[in-house]
All heavy atoms as atom14 arrays in JSON, in Angstrom:
{
  "sequence": "IPPELNEAAAIDGANRAQRFRHITFPLLAGAMTVSVMLSMIGAL",
  "atom14_mask": [
    [1, 1, 1, 1, 1, 1, 1, 1, 0, 0, 0, 0, 0, 0],
    [1, 1, 1, 1, 1, 1, 1, 0, 0, 0, 0, 0, 0, 0],
    [1, 1, 1, 1, 1, 1, 1, 0, 0, 0, 0, 0, 0, 0],
    [1, 1, 1, 1, 1, 1, 1, 1, 1, 0, 0, 0, 0, 0],
    [1, 1, 1, 1, 1, 1, 1, 1, 0, 0, 0, 0, 0, 0],
    [1, 1, 1, 1, 1, 1, 1, 1, 0, 0, 0, 0, 0, 0],
    [1, 1, 1, 1, 1, 1, 1, 1, 1, 0, 0, 0, 0, 0],
    [1, 1, 1, 1, 1, 0, 0, 0, 0, 0, 0, 0, 0, 0],
    [1, 1, 1, 1, 1, 0, 0, 0, 0, 0, 0, 0, 0, 0],
    [1, 1, 1, 1, 1, 0, 0, 0, 0, 0, 0, 0, 0, 0],
    [1, 1, 1, 1, 1, 1, 1, 1, 0, 0, 0, 0, 0, 0],
    [1, 1, 1, 1, 1, 1, 1, 1, 0, 0, 0, 0, 0, 0],
    [1, 1, 1, 1, 0, 0, 0, 0, 0, 0, 0, 0, 0, 0],
    [1, 1, 1, 1, 1, 0, 0, 0, 0, 0, 0, 0, 0, 0],
    [1, 1, 1, 1, 1, 1, 1, 1, 0, 0, 0, 0, 0, 0],
    [1, 1, 1, 1, 1, 1, 1, 1, 1, 1, 1, 0, 0, 0],
    [1, 1, 1, 1, 1, 0, 0, 0, 0, 0, 0, 0, 0, 0],
    [1, 1, 1, 1, 1, 1, 1, 1, 1, 0, 0, 0, 0, 0],
    [1, 1, 1, 1, 1, 1, 1, 1, 1, 1, 1, 0, 0, 0],
    [1, 1, 1, 1, 1, 1, 1, 1, 1, 1, 1, 0, 0, 0],
    [1, 1, 1, 1, 1, 1, 1, 1, 1, 1, 1, 0, 0, 0],
    [1, 1, 1, 1, 1, 1, 1, 1, 1, 1, 0, 0, 0, 0],
    [1, 1, 1, 1, 1, 1, 1, 1, 0, 0, 0, 0, 0, 0],
    [1, 1, 1, 1, 1, 1, 1, 0, 0, 0, 0, 0, 0, 0],
    [1, 1, 1, 1, 1, 1, 1, 1, 1, 1, 1, 0, 0, 0],
    [1, 1, 1, 1, 1, 1, 1, 0, 0, 0, 0, 0, 0, 0],
    [1, 1, 1, 1, 1, 1, 1, 1, 0, 0, 0, 0, 0, 0],
    [1, 1, 1, 1, 1, 1, 1, 1, 0, 0, 0, 0, 0, 0],
    [1, 1, 1, 1, 1, 0, 0, 0, 0, 0, 0, 0, 0, 0],
    [1, 1, 1, 1, 0, 0, 0, 0, 0, 0, 0, 0, 0, 0],
    [1, 1, 1, 1, 1, 0, 0, 0, 0, 0, 0, 0, 0, 0],
    [1, 1, 1, 1, 1, 1, 1, 1, 0, 0, 0, 0, 0, 0],
    [1, 1, 1, 1, 1, 1, 1, 0, 0, 0, 0, 0, 0, 0],
    [1, 1, 1, 1, 1, 1, 1, 0, 0, 0, 0, 0, 0, 0],
    [1, 1, 1, 1, 1, 1, 0, 0, 0, 0, 0, 0, 0, 0],
    [1, 1, 1, 1, 1, 1, 1, 0, 0, 0, 0, 0, 0, 0],
    [1, 1, 1, 1, 1, 1, 1, 1, 0, 0, 0, 0, 0, 0],
    [1, 1, 1, 1, 1, 1, 1, 1, 0, 0, 0, 0, 0, 0],
    [1, 1, 1, 1, 1, 1, 0, 0, 0, 0, 0, 0, 0, 0],
    [1, 1, 1, 1, 1, 1, 1, 1, 0, 0, 0, 0, 0, 0],
    [1, 1, 1, 1, 1, 1, 1, 1, 0, 0, 0, 0, 0, 0],
    [1, 1, 1, 1, 0, 0, 0, 0, 0, 0, 0, 0, 0, 0],
    [1, 1, 1, 1, 1, 0, 0, 0, 0, 0, 0, 0, 0, 0],
    [1, 1, 1, 1, 1, 1, 1, 1, 0, 0, 0, 0, 0, 0]
  ],
  "atom14_positions": [
    [[4.22, 4.53, -13.5], [4.32, 5.94, -13.14], [3.47, 6.77, -14.1], [3.66, 6.68, -15.32], [5.78, 6.41, -13.17], [6.61, 5.62, -12.15], [5.87, 7.91, -12.88], [8.09, 5.95, -12.18], [0.0, 0.0, 0.0], [0.0, 0.0, 0.0], [0.0, 0.0, 0.0], [0.0, 0.0, 0.0], [0.0, 0.0, 0.0], [0.0, 0.0, 0.0]],
    [[2.55, 7.57, -13.63], [1.72, 8.39, -14.52], [2.58, 9.34, -15.35], [3.39, 10.09, -14.78], [0.8, 9.16, -13.55], [0.8, 8.35, -12.3], [2.16, 7.73, -12.21], [0.0, 0.0, 0.0], [0.0, 0.0, 0.0], [0.0, 0.0, 0.0], [0.0, 0.0, 0.0], [0.0, 0.0, 0.0], [0.0, 0.0, 0.0], [0.0, 0.0, 0.0]],
    [[2.44, 9.34, -16.67], [3.27, 10.24, -17.51], [2.99, 11.71, -17.25], [3.83, 12.56, -17.53], [2.88, 9.83, -18.93], [1.55, 9.16, -18.81], [1.54, 8.51, -17.47], [0.0, 0.0, 0.0], [0.0, 0.0, 0.0], [0.0, 0.0, 0.0], [0.0, 0.0, 0.0], [0.0, 0.0, 0.0], [0.0, 0.0, 0.0], [0.0, 0.0, 0.0]],
    [[1.82, 12.02, -16.68], [1.48, 13.41, -16.42], [2.45, 14.06, -15.44], [2.71, 15.27, -15.51], [0.06, 13.52, -15.87], [-1.04, 13.1, -16.84], [-1.23, 11.6, -16.86], [-0.58, 10.91, -16.03], [-2.01, 11.1, -17.7], [0.0, 0.0, 0.0], [0.0, 0.0, 0.0], [0.0, 0.0, 0.0], [0.0, 0.0, 0.0], [0.0, 0.0, 0.0]],
    [[3.01, 13.26, -14.52], [3.94, 13.83, -13.54], [5.2, 14.34, -14.21], [5.67, 15.45, -13.93], [4.28, 12.77, -12.49], [3.12, 12.27, -11.61], [3.6, 11.18, -10.67], [2.52, 13.42, -10.83], [0.0, 0.0, 0.0], [0.0, 0.0, 0.0], [0.0, 0.0, 0.0], [0.0, 0.0, 0.0], [0.0, 0.0, 0.0], [0.0, 0.0, 0.0]],
    [[5.77, 13.52, -15.11], [6.98, 13.94, -15.82], [6.69, 15.09, -16.77], [7.53, 15.99, -16.96], [7.57, 12.75, -16.58], [8.33, 11.8, -15.67], [9.28, 12.19, -15.01], [7.92, 10.55, -15.64], [0.0, 0.0, 0.0], [0.0, 0.0, 0.0], [0.0, 0.0, 0.0], [0.0, 0.0, 0.0], [0.0, 0.0, 0.0], [0.0, 0.0, 0.0]],
    [[5.52, 15.07, -17.4], [5.17, 16.15, -18.32], [5.03, 17.47, -17.58], [5.5, 18.52, -18.04], [3.88, 15.8, -19.04], [4.0, 14.62, -20.0], [2.66, 14.18, -20.57], [1.64, 14.81, -20.2], [2.63, 13.23, -21.37], [0.0, 0.0, 0.0], [0.0, 0.0, 0.0], [0.0, 0.0, 0.0], [0.0, 0.0, 0.0], [0.0, 0.0, 0.0]],
    [[4.39, 17.43, -16.42], [4.24, 18.65, -15.63], [5.59, 19.18, -15.15], [5.84, 20.39, -15.16], [3.32, 18.38, -14.44], [0.0, 0.0, 0.0], [0.0, 0.0, 0.0], [0.0, 0.0, 0.0], [0.0, 0.0, 0.0], [0.0, 0.0, 0.0], [0.0, 0.0, 0.0], [0.0, 0.0, 0.0], [0.0, 0.0, 0.0], [0.0, 0.0, 0.0]],
    [[6.48, 18.25, -14.73], [7.8, 18.67, -14.28], [8.61, 19.26, -15.43], [9.36, 20.23, -15.24], [8.54, 17.47, -13.67], [0.0, 0.0, 0.0], [0.0, 0.0, 0.0], [0.0, 0.0, 0.0], [0.0, 0.0, 0.0], [0.0, 0.0, 0.0], [0.0, 0.0, 0.0], [0.0, 0.0, 0.0], [0.0, 0.0, 0.0], [0.0, 0.0, 0.0]],
    [[8.48, 18.67, -16.63], [9.19, 19.21, -17.8], [8.71, 20.61, -18.14], [9.5, 21.49, -18.5], [9.01, 18.27, -18.98], [0.0, 0.0, 0.0], [0.0, 0.0, 0.0], [0.0, 0.0, 0.0], [0.0, 0.0, 0.0], [0.0, 0.0, 0.0], [0.0, 0.0, 0.0], [0.0, 0.0, 0.0], [0.0, 0.0, 0.0], [0.0, 0.0, 0.0]],
    [[7.4, 20.83, -18.03], [6.85, 22.17, -18.29], [7.38, 23.18, -17.29], [7.66, 24.34, -17.63], [5.31, 22.12, -18.26], [4.79, 21.27, -19.42], [4.72, 23.52, -18.31], [3.29, 21.04, -19.39], [0.0, 0.0, 0.0], [0.0, 0.0, 0.0], [0.0, 0.0, 0.0], [0.0, 0.0, 0.0], [0.0, 0.0, 0.0], [0.0, 0.0, 0.0]],
    [[7.58, 22.73, -16.05], [8.11, 23.62, -15.01], [9.61, 23.85, -15.14], [10.19, 24.6, -14.34], [7.82, 23.05, -13.63], [6.33, 23.12, -13.3], [5.64, 23.94, -13.92], [5.87, 22.32, -12.45], [0.0, 0.0, 0.0], [0.0, 0.0, 0.0], [0.0, 0.0, 0.0], [0.0, 0.0, 0.0], [0.0, 0.0, 0.0], [0.0, 0.0, 0.0]],
    [[10.25, 23.21, -16.11], [11.66, 23.45, -16.36], [12.61, 22.41, -15.8], [13.84, 22.59, -15.84], [0.0, 0.0, 0.0], [0.0, 0.0, 0.0], [0.0, 0.0, 0.0], [0.0, 0.0, 0.0], [0.0, 0.0, 0.0], [0.0, 0.0, 0.0], [0.0, 0.0, 0.0], [0.0, 0.0, 0.0], [0.0, 0.0, 0.0], [0.0, 0.0, 0.0]],
    [[12.12, 21.29, -15.25], [12.99, 20.24, -14.71], [13.64, 19.44, -15.83], [12.97, 19.06, -16.79], [12.19, 19.31, -13.8], [0.0, 0.0, 0.0], [0.0, 0.0, 0.0], [0.0, 0.0, 0.0], [0.0, 0.0, 0.0], [0.0, 0.0, 0.0], [0.0, 0.0, 0.0], [0.0, 0.0, 0.0], [0.0, 0.0, 0.0], [0.0, 0.0, 0.0]],
    [[14.95, 19.22, -15.72], [15.62, 18.4, -16.73], [15.44, 16.93, -16.41], [14.8, 16.56, -15.43], [17.11, 18.77, -16.82], [17.81, 18.66, -15.48], [17.51, 17.78, -14.67], [18.76, 19.55, -15.22], [0.0, 0.0, 0.0], [0.0, 0.0, 0.0], [0.0, 0.0, 0.0], [0.0, 0.0, 0.0], [0.0, 0.0, 0.0], [0.0, 0.0, 0.0]],
    [[16.04, 16.05, -17.24], [15.84, 14.6, -17.07], [16.4, 14.12, -15.73], [15.78, 13.29, -15.07], [16.51, 13.85, -18.22], [15.77, 13.96, -19.55], [16.35, 13.0, -20.55], [15.58, 13.01, -21.79], [15.84, 12.2, -22.82], [16.84, 11.32, -22.75], [15.09, 12.26, -23.92], [0.0, 0.0, 0.0], [0.0, 0.0, 0.0], [0.0, 0.0, 0.0]],
    [[17.56, 14.62, -15.35], [18.16, 14.18, -14.09], [17.28, 14.58, -12.9], [17.08, 13.8, -11.96], [19.55, 14.77, -13.94], [0.0, 0.0, 0.0], [0.0, 0.0, 0.0], [0.0, 0.0, 0.0], [0.0, 0.0, 0.0], [0.0, 0.0, 0.0], [0.0, 0.0, 0.0], [0.0, 0.0, 0.0], [0.0, 0.0, 0.0], [0.0, 0.0, 0.0]],
    [[16.74, 15.77, -12.95], [15.88, 16.23, -11.86], [14.57, 15.45, -11.81], [14.08, 15.12, -10.74], [15.6, 17.73, -12.03], [16.82, 18.61, -11.78], [16.57, 20.06, -12.14], [15.77, 20.37, -13.03], [17.28, 20.97, -11.45], [0.0, 0.0, 0.0], [0.0, 0.0, 0.0], [0.0, 0.0, 0.0], [0.0, 0.0, 0.0], [0.0, 0.0, 0.0]],
    [[14.03, 15.14, -13.0], [12.78, 14.37, -13.02], [13.01, 12.96, -12.49], [12.18, 12.4, -11.78], [12.22, 14.31, -14.45], [11.77, 15.64, -14.99], [10.83, 15.48, -16.17], [11.44, 14.77, -17.28], [12.1, 15.37, -18.27], [12.24, 16.7, -18.27], [12.61, 14.66, -19.26], [0.0, 0.0, 0.0], [0.0, 0.0, 0.0], [0.0, 0.0, 0.0]],
    [[14.17, 12.39, -12.82], [14.47, 11.05, -12.32], [14.66, 11.07, -10.81], [14.16, 10.19, -10.1], [15.72, 10.5, -12.99], [16.15, 9.16, -12.47], [15.53, 8.0, -12.9], [17.17, 9.06, -11.53], [15.9, 6.76, -12.41], [17.55, 7.82, -11.03], [16.91, 6.67, -11.47], [0.0, 0.0, 0.0], [0.0, 0.0, 0.0], [0.0, 0.0, 0.0]],
    [[15.36, 12.07, -10.31], [15.67, 12.13, -8.88], [14.43, 12.38, -8.03], [14.26, 11.75, -6.97], [16.7, 13.22, -8.63], [17.05, 13.4, -7.15], [18.05, 14.54, -6.97], [18.33, 14.76, -5.55], [19.11, 15.74, -5.09], [19.69, 16.58, -5.94], [19.31, 15.87, -3.8], [0.0, 0.0, 0.0], [0.0, 0.0, 0.0], [0.0, 0.0, 0.0]],
    [[13.55, 13.26, -8.48], [12.44, 13.69, -7.63], [11.11, 13.01, -7.96], [10.17, 13.1, -7.16], [12.27, 15.21, -7.75], [13.44, 16.0, -7.25], [13.77, 16.11, -5.92], [14.41, 16.68, -7.93], [14.87, 16.84, -5.78], [15.27, 17.21, -6.98], [0.0, 0.0, 0.0], [0.0, 0.0, 0.0], [0.0, 0.0, 0.0], [0.0, 0.0, 0.0]],
    [[11.03, 12.34, -9.11], [9.76, 11.69, -9.48], [9.95, 10.19, -9.68], [9.34, 9.38, -8.98], [9.18, 12.33, -10.77], [8.86, 13.81, -10.52], [7.92, 11.58, -11.2], [8.37, 14.53, -11.75], [0.0, 0.0, 0.0], [0.0, 0.0, 0.0], [0.0, 0.0, 0.0], [0.0, 0.0, 0.0], [0.0, 0.0, 0.0], [0.0, 0.0, 0.0]],
    [[10.81, 9.82, -10.64], [10.94, 8.4, -11.0], [11.51, 7.57, -9.86], [10.94, 6.53, -9.49], [11.83, 8.27, -12.24], [11.29, 9.06, -13.3], [11.91, 6.82, -12.68], [0.0, 0.0, 0.0], [0.0, 0.0, 0.0], [0.0, 0.0, 0.0], [0.0, 0.0, 0.0], [0.0, 0.0, 0.0], [0.0, 0.0, 0.0], [0.0, 0.0, 0.0]],
    [[12.62, 8.02, -9.31], [13.29, 7.21, -8.28], [12.43, 7.0, -7.04], [12.32, 5.87, -6.55], [14.63, 7.87, -7.9], [15.48, 7.03, -7.02], [16.18, 5.95, -7.54], [15.59, 7.29, -5.66], [16.98, 5.14, -6.73], [16.37, 6.5, -4.84], [17.06, 5.43, -5.38], [0.0, 0.0, 0.0], [0.0, 0.0, 0.0], [0.0, 0.0, 0.0]],
    [[11.77, 8.03, -6.49], [10.91, 7.78, -5.31], [9.74, 6.84, -5.62], [9.36, 6.02, -4.76], [10.4, 9.18, -4.94], [11.42, 10.11, -5.49], [11.89, 9.48, -6.76], [0.0, 0.0, 0.0], [0.0, 0.0, 0.0], [0.0, 0.0, 0.0], [0.0, 0.0, 0.0], [0.0, 0.0, 0.0], [0.0, 0.0, 0.0], [0.0, 0.0, 0.0]],
    [[9.17, 6.93, -6.83], [8.03, 6.08, -7.16], [8.44, 4.65, -7.48], [7.58, 3.78, -7.63], [7.27, 6.69, -8.34], [6.55, 8.02, -8.04], [5.87, 8.56, -9.29], [5.53, 7.83, -6.91], [0.0, 0.0, 0.0], [0.0, 0.0, 0.0], [0.0, 0.0, 0.0], [0.0, 0.0, 0.0], [0.0, 0.0, 0.0], [0.0, 0.0, 0.0]],
    [[9.74, 4.41, -7.6], [10.24, 3.05, -7.83], [10.64, 2.37, -6.52], [11.25, 1.3, -6.55], [11.45, 3.08, -8.77], [11.18, 3.28, -10.26], [12.49, 3.36, -11.02], [10.32, 2.16, -10.82], [0.0, 0.0, 0.0], [0.0, 0.0, 0.0], [0.0, 0.0, 0.0], [0.0, 0.0, 0.0], [0.0, 0.0, 0.0], [0.0, 0.0, 0.0]],
    [[10.29, 2.98, -5.39], [10.71, 2.42, -4.1], [10.17, 1.01, -3.89], [10.88, 0.13, -3.39], [10.24, 3.34, -2.97], [0.0, 0.0, 0.0], [0.0, 0.0, 0.0], [0.0, 0.0, 0.0], [0.0, 0.0, 0.0], [0.0, 0.0, 0.0], [0.0, 0.0, 0.0], [0.0, 0.0, 0.0], [0.0, 0.0, 0.0], [0.0, 0.0, 0.0]],
    [[8.93, 0.76, -4.29], [8.36, -0.57, -4.12], [9.08, -1.61, -4.95], [9.43, -2.7, -4.47], [0.0, 0.0, 0.0], [0.0, 0.0, 0.0], [0.0, 0.0, 0.0], [0.0, 0.0, 0.0], [0.0, 0.0, 0.0], [0.0, 0.0, 0.0], [0.0, 0.0, 0.0], [0.0, 0.0, 0.0], [0.0, 0.0, 0.0], [0.0, 0.0, 0.0]],
    [[9.33, -1.29, -6.23], [10.05, -2.22, -7.11], [11.47, -2.44, -6.62], [12.0, -3.56, -6.68], [10.05, -1.68, -8.54], [0.0, 0.0, 0.0], [0.0, 0.0, 0.0], [0.0, 0.0, 0.0], [0.0, 0.0, 0.0], [0.0, 0.0, 0.0], [0.0, 0.0, 0.0], [0.0, 0.0, 0.0], [0.0, 0.0, 0.0], [0.0, 0.0, 0.0]],
    [[12.09, -1.39, -6.11], [13.46, -1.51, -5.62], [13.52, -2.4, -4.38], [14.46, -3.2, -4.22], [14.03, -0.12, -5.32], [15.49, -0.13, -4.9], [16.18, 1.53, -4.8], [16.07, 2.04, -6.51], [0.0, 0.0, 0.0], [0.0, 0.0, 0.0], [0.0, 0.0, 0.0], [0.0, 0.0, 0.0], [0.0, 0.0, 0.0], [0.0, 0.0, 0.0]],
    [[12.55, -2.26, -3.49], [12.52, -3.09, -2.29], [12.43, -4.57, -2.64], [13.17, -5.4, -2.1], [11.33, -2.69, -1.4], [11.45, -1.32, -1.04], [11.3, -3.54, -0.14], [0.0, 0.0, 0.0], [0.0, 0.0, 0.0], [0.0, 0.0, 0.0], [0.0, 0.0, 0.0], [0.0, 0.0, 0.0], [0.0, 0.0, 0.0], [0.0, 0.0, 0.0]],
    [[11.54, -4.9, -3.58], [11.38, -6.29, -4.0], [12.66, -6.8, -4.66], [13.14, -7.91, -4.36], [10.19, -6.42, -4.97], [10.12, -7.83, -5.54], [8.89, -6.07, -4.27], [0.0, 0.0, 0.0], [0.0, 0.0, 0.0], [0.0, 0.0, 0.0], [0.0, 0.0, 0.0], [0.0, 0.0, 0.0], [0.0, 0.0, 0.0], [0.0, 0.0, 0.0]],
    [[13.26, -6.0, -5.52], [14.46, -6.43, -6.23], [15.64, -6.62, -5.28], [16.4, -7.59, -5.42], [14.83, -5.39, -7.3], [13.83, -5.29, -8.28], [0.0, 0.0, 0.0], [0.0, 0.0, 0.0], [0.0, 0.0, 0.0], [0.0, 0.0, 0.0], [0.0, 0.0, 0.0], [0.0, 0.0, 0.0], [0.0, 0.0, 0.0], [0.0, 0.0, 0.0]],
    [[15.77, -5.73, -4.32], [16.88, -5.85, -3.36], [16.73, -7.11, -2.51], [17.69, -7.85, -2.3], [16.94, -4.59, -2.47], [17.88, -4.82, -1.29], [17.42, -3.4, -3.27], [0.0, 0.0, 0.0], [0.0, 0.0, 0.0], [0.0, 0.0, 0.0], [0.0, 0.0, 0.0], [0.0, 0.0, 0.0], [0.0, 0.0, 0.0], [0.0, 0.0, 0.0]],
    [[15.51, -7.38, -2.07], [15.28, -8.58, -1.26], [15.56, -9.85, -2.05], [16.24, -10.76, -1.58], [13.85, -8.59, -0.73], [13.55, -7.52, 0.31], [11.91, -7.65, 1.04], [12.04, -9.2, 1.93], [0.0, 0.0, 0.0], [0.0, 0.0, 0.0], [0.0, 0.0, 0.0], [0.0, 0.0, 0.0], [0.0, 0.0, 0.0], [0.0, 0.0, 0.0]],
    [[15.07, -9.9, -3.29], [15.28, -11.09, -4.12], [16.75, -11.27, -4.49], [17.27, -12.4, -4.47], [14.42, -11.01, -5.38], [12.91, -11.09, -5.18], [12.18, -10.92, -6.51], [12.52, -12.42, -4.55], [0.0, 0.0, 0.0], [0.0, 0.0, 0.0], [0.0, 0.0, 0.0], [0.0, 0.0, 0.0], [0.0, 0.0, 0.0], [0.0, 0.0, 0.0]],
    [[17.42, -10.19, -4.81], [18.84, -10.3, -5.17], [19.68, -10.7, -3.97], [20.66, -11.45, -4.11], [19.33, -8.99, -5.78], [19.18, -7.92, -4.87], [0.0, 0.0, 0.0], [0.0, 0.0, 0.0], [0.0, 0.0, 0.0], [0.0, 0.0, 0.0], [0.0, 0.0, 0.0], [0.0, 0.0, 0.0], [0.0, 0.0, 0.0], [0.0, 0.0, 0.0]],
    [[19.32, -10.23, -2.79], [20.06, -10.61, -1.58], [19.9, -12.11, -1.3], [20.87, -12.81, -1.01], [19.57, -9.8, -0.38], [20.19, -10.2, 0.95], [21.96, -9.93, 1.02], [22.01, -8.12, 1.14], [0.0, 0.0, 0.0], [0.0, 0.0, 0.0], [0.0, 0.0, 0.0], [0.0, 0.0, 0.0], [0.0, 0.0, 0.0], [0.0, 0.0, 0.0]],
    [[18.67, -12.59, -1.4], [18.43, -14.02, -1.17], [19.18, -14.86, -2.21], [19.79, -15.88, -1.88], [16.93, -14.32, -1.21], [16.22, -13.63, -0.03], [16.66, -15.82, -1.17], [14.71, -13.71, -0.08], [0.0, 0.0, 0.0], [0.0, 0.0, 0.0], [0.0, 0.0, 0.0], [0.0, 0.0, 0.0], [0.0, 0.0, 0.0], [0.0, 0.0, 0.0]],
    [[19.12, -14.43, -3.48], [19.83, -15.16, -4.53], [21.33, -15.16, -4.32], [22.0, -16.17, -4.58], [0.0, 0.0, 0.0], [0.0, 0.0, 0.0], [0.0, 0.0, 0.0], [0.0, 0.0, 0.0], [0.0, 0.0, 0.0], [0.0, 0.0, 0.0], [0.0, 0.0, 0.0], [0.0, 0.0, 0.0], [0.0, 0.0, 0.0], [0.0, 0.0, 0.0]],
    [[21.88, -14.04, -3.85], [23.33, -13.96, -3.63], [23.77, -14.86, -2.48], [24.84, -15.47, -2.53], [23.72, -12.51, -3.36], [0.0, 0.0, 0.0], [0.0, 0.0, 0.0], [0.0, 0.0, 0.0], [0.0, 0.0, 0.0], [0.0, 0.0, 0.0], [0.0, 0.0, 0.0], [0.0, 0.0, 0.0], [0.0, 0.0, 0.0], [0.0, 0.0, 0.0]],
    [[22.95, -14.95, -1.43], [23.33, -15.77, -0.28], [23.33, -17.25, -0.6], [24.03, -18.03, 0.06], [22.38, -15.48, 0.89], [22.54, -14.12, 1.56], [21.42, -13.88, 2.57], [23.89, -14.02, 2.26], [0.0, 0.0, 0.0], [0.0, 0.0, 0.0], [0.0, 0.0, 0.0], [0.0, 0.0, 0.0], [0.0, 0.0, 0.0], [0.0, 0.0, 0.0]]
  ]
}
């Protein structure tokens, strides 16, 4: 994740929870998809 995105959001007044919700979490969609698929297969 480019650090510039979080820095810009912090300058605009976003707190950590807001930055995680609107920047970090959406950009982790690819990693989350892979992890969910692998964990599901492992659990089965």
